[in-house]
Amino acid sequence: MTAEQKENLRLQALKAIGAAKGYAVTLSQILPGLAHPLRTQPTEDIEAELLYLKDKGFVESEKKEIGTVKRWRITAAGRDYLAEEGME
């Protein structure tokens, strides 16, 4: 992916996670919020950008005690970023 595609993916993923209003969502629930060209990227590439957002403090991940499905939830920093950028 190009740097521009990565940035677009991060922003769209952050908006999709933010749309869950604080609830944790799975990758399969995030994908519909991505533009078609981005949602067809390999899962590993999308997860790498979600980890980038986590490292920046915009999202956090959690796993249920039973199962292996990772869920993503927006943080206060992520909500603030979207609000500052007029994307909320």
Protein backbone atom coordinates (compact mmCIF):
# COMPACT_ATOMS: atom_id res chain seq x y z
CA MET A 1 0.00 0.00 0.00
CA THR A 2 1.10 3.53 -0.62
CA ALA A 3 1.44 6.03 2.23
CA GLU A 4 -1.76 7.72 1.05
CA GLN A 5 -3.67 4.43 1.04
CA LYS A 6 -2.43 3.65 4.54
CA GLU A 7 -3.53 7.06 5.78
CA ASN A 8 -6.96 6.66 4.17
CA LEU A 9 -7.31 3.19 5.65
CA ARG A 10 -6.42 4.46 9.13
CA LEU A 11 -8.91 7.33 8.94
CA GLN A 12 -11.73 5.18 7.57
CA ALA A 13 -11.08 2.44 10.12
CA LEU A 14 -11.03 4.98 12.95
CA LYS A 15 -14.34 6.41 11.76
CA ALA A 16 -15.85 2.92 11.46
CA ILE A 17 -14.71 1.98 14.97
CA GLY A 18 -15.94 5.33 16.30
CA ALA A 19 -19.36 4.73 14.76
CA ALA A 20 -19.82 1.87 17.23
CA LYS A 21 -20.18 4.53 19.96
CA GLY A 22 -17.73 2.96 22.40
CA TYR A 23 -18.60 -0.67 21.76
CA ALA A 24 -15.83 -3.00 20.67
CA VAL A 25 -16.10 -4.25 17.09
CA THR A 26 -14.43 -7.02 15.13
CA LEU A 27 -12.50 -6.65 11.90
CA SER A 28 -15.48 -8.04 9.98
CA GLN A 29 -17.61 -5.24 11.45
CA ILE A 30 -15.01 -2.62 10.48
CA LEU A 31 -14.66 -3.73 6.84
CA PRO A 32 -18.01 -2.36 5.59
CA GLY A 33 -16.89 1.10 6.76
CA LEU A 34 -13.90 1.03 4.41
CA ALA A 35 -13.98 2.12 0.79
CA HIS A 36 -14.06 -0.86 -1.59
CA PRO A 37 -10.41 -0.69 -2.72
CA LEU A 38 -9.25 -0.61 0.90
CA ARG A 39 -11.51 -3.37 2.19
CA THR A 40 -10.01 -5.74 -0.38
CA GLN A 41 -6.51 -5.32 1.05
CA PRO A 42 -5.02 -8.40 2.73
CA THR A 43 -6.24 -8.86 6.30
CA GLU A 44 -2.66 -8.63 7.56
CA ASP A 45 -2.29 -5.15 6.03
CA ILE A 46 -5.52 -3.92 7.61
CA GLU A 47 -4.57 -5.38 10.99
CA ALA A 48 -1.16 -3.70 10.74
CA GLU A 49 -2.86 -0.32 10.35
CA LEU A 50 -5.16 -1.07 13.29
CA LEU A 51 -2.06 -1.80 15.37
CA TYR A 52 -0.65 1.54 14.22
CA LEU A 53 -3.80 3.25 15.52
CA LYS A 54 -3.41 1.31 18.76
CA ASP A 55 0.21 2.42 19.11
CA LYS A 56 -0.92 6.02 18.60
CA GLY A 57 -3.50 5.58 21.37
CA PHE A 58 -6.52 6.11 19.10
CA VAL A 59 -7.94 2.60 19.55
CA GLU A 60 -7.50 -0.26 21.94
CA SER A 61 -7.89 -3.96 21.37
CA GLU A 62 -9.41 -6.58 23.58
CA LYS A 63 -9.94 -10.30 23.45
CA LYS A 64 -12.70 -12.16 25.17
CA GLU A 65 -11.52 -14.76 27.64
CA ILE A 66 -13.12 -17.42 25.48
CA GLY A 67 -12.22 -17.25 21.82
CA THR A 68 -9.57 -15.58 19.73
CA VAL A 69 -11.48 -12.83 17.94
CA LYS A 70 -9.88 -9.46 18.59
CA ARG A 71 -12.22 -6.52 19.06
CA TRP A 72 -11.36 -2.87 18.60
CA ARG A 73 -12.72 0.10 20.54
CA ILE A 74 -12.06 3.81 20.01
CA THR A 75 -10.36 5.70 22.84
CA ALA A 76 -10.92 9.26 24.02
CA ALA A 77 -7.84 10.29 22.01
CA GLY A 78 -9.37 8.74 18.90
CA ARG A 79 -12.70 10.51 19.43
CA ASP A 80 -10.88 13.79 20.03
CA TYR A 81 -8.88 13.35 16.83
CA LEU A 82 -12.00 12.73 14.76
CA ALA A 83 -13.70 15.76 16.32
CA GLU A 84 -10.68 18.00 15.66
CA GLU A 85 -10.61 16.87 12.04
CA GLY A 86 -14.39 17.40 11.66
CA MET A 87 -14.93 13.69 10.96
CA GLU A 88 -17.13 12.76 13.87
